[in-house]
Protein backbone atom coordinates (compact mmCIF):
# COMPACT_ATOMS: atom_id res chain seq x y z
CA MET A 1 15.79 -8.66 -13.32
CA PRO A 2 15.85 -10.18 -9.81
CA SER A 3 15.00 -8.12 -6.76
CA LYS A 4 17.82 -6.72 -4.63
CA PRO A 5 17.98 -6.04 -0.89
CA ILE A 6 17.24 -2.48 0.23
CA LYS A 7 18.45 -0.51 3.27
CA ALA A 8 15.12 1.09 4.30
CA PRO A 9 11.49 -0.02 3.88
CA ALA A 10 8.98 2.05 1.91
CA THR A 11 5.72 3.26 3.44
CA PHE A 12 2.26 4.32 2.33
CA PRO A 13 -0.45 6.47 3.96
CA ASN A 14 -2.50 4.80 6.68
CA PRO A 15 -6.00 4.33 5.21
CA SER A 16 -7.63 4.69 8.67
CA PRO A 17 -5.53 7.13 10.73
CA GLY A 18 -8.42 7.97 13.07
CA ARG A 19 -8.59 4.43 14.44
CA ASP A 20 -6.22 2.38 16.57
CA TYR A 21 -5.82 -1.01 14.90
CA ARG A 22 -3.10 -3.61 14.99
CA ILE A 23 -1.14 -4.87 11.99
CA HIS A 24 0.45 -8.28 12.54
CA MET A 25 3.16 -9.80 10.32
CA GLU A 26 5.28 -12.92 10.61
CA MET A 27 8.51 -13.29 8.66
CA PRO A 28 9.71 -16.90 9.06
CA GLU A 29 12.73 -16.64 6.74
CA PHE A 30 14.96 -14.07 8.45
CA THR A 31 18.68 -14.78 8.30
CA CYS A 32 21.81 -12.97 9.41
CA LEU A 33 25.32 -14.11 10.22
CA CYS A 34 26.79 -14.82 13.62
CA PRO A 35 29.42 -12.10 14.15
CA VAL A 36 31.67 -14.56 15.99
CA THR A 37 31.59 -17.65 13.75
CA GLY A 38 30.20 -16.32 10.47
CA GLN A 39 27.63 -19.12 10.49
CA PRO A 40 24.04 -18.29 9.49
CA ASP A 41 21.44 -17.57 12.17
CA PHE A 42 17.79 -18.19 11.30
CA ALA A 43 14.80 -16.55 12.95
CA THR A 44 11.13 -15.80 12.66
CA LEU A 45 10.40 -12.10 13.06
CA VAL A 46 6.99 -11.20 14.46
CA LEU A 47 5.99 -7.59 13.97
CA ASP A 48 2.94 -6.00 15.59
CA TYR A 49 2.21 -2.32 15.30
CA VAL A 50 -0.48 0.32 15.63
CA PRO A 51 0.12 2.70 12.73
CA ASP A 52 -0.19 6.46 12.97
CA ARG A 53 0.05 8.16 9.56
CA ARG A 54 2.21 5.61 7.68
CA CYS A 55 2.17 1.84 7.14
CA VAL A 56 5.09 -0.30 5.96
CA GLU A 57 4.83 -1.62 2.40
CA LEU A 58 5.17 -5.42 2.37
CA LYS A 59 7.47 -6.03 -0.61
CA SER A 60 9.90 -3.38 0.58
CA LEU A 61 9.80 -4.94 4.07
CA LYS A 62 10.75 -8.28 2.54
CA LEU A 63 13.64 -6.69 0.63
CA TYR A 64 14.75 -4.76 3.73
CA VAL A 65 14.77 -7.92 5.88
CA TRP A 66 16.68 -9.68 3.10
CA SER A 67 19.46 -7.07 3.43
CA TYR A 68 20.56 -8.70 6.70
CA ARG A 69 21.33 -12.05 5.06
CA ASP A 70 25.04 -11.28 4.65
CA ARG A 71 25.52 -9.08 7.74
CA GLY A 72 27.07 -10.18 10.99
CA ALA A 73 24.97 -9.18 13.99
CA PHE A 74 24.26 -10.27 17.53
CA HIS A 75 20.61 -11.20 18.05
CA GLU A 76 19.98 -8.33 20.44
CA ALA A 77 21.58 -5.76 18.14
CA VAL A 78 19.83 -6.84 14.95
CA THR A 79 16.40 -6.94 16.64
CA ASN A 80 16.78 -3.41 18.00
CA ARG A 81 18.22 -2.10 14.73
CA ILE A 82 15.29 -3.46 12.72
CA LEU A 83 12.81 -1.99 15.19
CA ASP A 84 14.57 1.38 15.06
CA ASP A 85 14.55 1.40 11.25
CA LEU A 86 10.88 0.42 11.03
CA ALA A 87 9.84 2.92 13.70
CA ARG A 88 11.83 5.67 11.95
CA ALA A 89 10.15 4.89 8.61
CA THR A 90 6.56 4.59 9.88
CA ARG A 91 6.52 6.63 13.13
CA PRO A 92 3.87 4.30 14.62
CA ARG A 93 1.80 4.83 17.74
CA TYR A 94 3.15 1.50 18.98
CA MET A 95 5.45 -1.17 17.54
CA ARG A 96 6.73 -4.47 18.91
CA LEU A 97 9.26 -6.73 17.23
CA GLU A 98 9.84 -10.25 18.48
CA ALA A 99 12.79 -12.14 16.98
CA ARG A 100 12.59 -15.88 17.63
CA PHE A 101 15.97 -17.32 16.71
CA ASN A 102 16.31 -21.02 15.96
CA VAL A 103 18.30 -23.23 18.26
CA ARG A 104 22.05 -22.62 18.31
CA GLY A 105 24.24 -24.65 20.66
CA GLY A 106 21.15 -26.02 22.39
CA ILE A 107 19.76 -22.55 23.14
CA PHE A 108 16.70 -20.84 21.68
CA THR A 109 16.95 -17.05 21.84
CA THR A 110 13.98 -14.70 21.68
CA VAL A 111 14.54 -10.95 21.71
CA ILE A 112 11.59 -8.57 22.15
CA ALA A 113 11.90 -4.84 21.57
CA GLU A 114 9.16 -2.18 21.73
CA HIS A 115 8.64 1.37 20.60
CA ARG A 116 5.85 3.63 21.84
CA LYS A 117 4.99 7.11 20.59
CA ARG A 118 5.39 9.63 23.41
CA GLY A 119 2.04 10.10 25.17
CA TRP A 120 0.21 7.35 23.25
CA ARG A 121 -2.01 5.02 25.23
CA PRO A 122 -4.36 2.52 23.61
CA LYS A 123 -8.05 3.40 23.80
CA ARG A 124 -8.66 -0.23 24.70
CA PRO A 125 -6.35 -3.21 25.08
CA PRO A 126 -5.03 -4.45 21.71
CA PRO A 127 -6.54 -7.70 20.40
CA ALA A 128 -4.99 -10.82 21.90
CA LEU A 129 -2.40 -12.75 19.97
CA ASP A 130 -4.03 -16.09 20.84
CA GLY A 131 -4.10 -18.42 17.86
CA ILE A 132 -1.57 -16.38 15.88
CA ARG A 133 1.50 -18.14 17.29
CA ALA A 134 0.63 -21.62 16.01
CA GLY A 135 3.70 -21.72 13.75
CA ASN A 136 6.22 -21.43 16.60
CA PRO A 137 6.65 -24.64 18.63
CA HIS A 138 8.81 -22.98 21.29
CA ALA A 139 6.66 -19.86 21.88
CA ALA A 140 5.41 -19.36 25.40
CA ASP A 141 1.72 -20.01 25.90
CA ALA A 142 -0.27 -16.79 25.94
């Protein structure tokens, strides 16, 4: 039986909750529908987070992201909604979602939203993202 989209991602216990470490994921096949025209919008989602007690499970994340394929949403709204849902499920120390939408009408749109646990400060600066953005030709140089 084929997989079906889901409304919320599953999580699992953080194997190293005593350490700040960054999890980086890129999802180059995100799609949703333009709420004005109904045409598909395509984006690469880049998720970086410092987990606290829970981590997001990858297959469920894929199925959750897939659930947006037939939904109409403005870029800003869908980016913030996904971040809210992921932060609610995992309750991370820090989470950043960058949605890099493909060109539409001659305009590239990138929406960046962040969540930070109240009172959390990194013990040291998080590792640089240099070299990770090679797949995005219109990303700003770090």
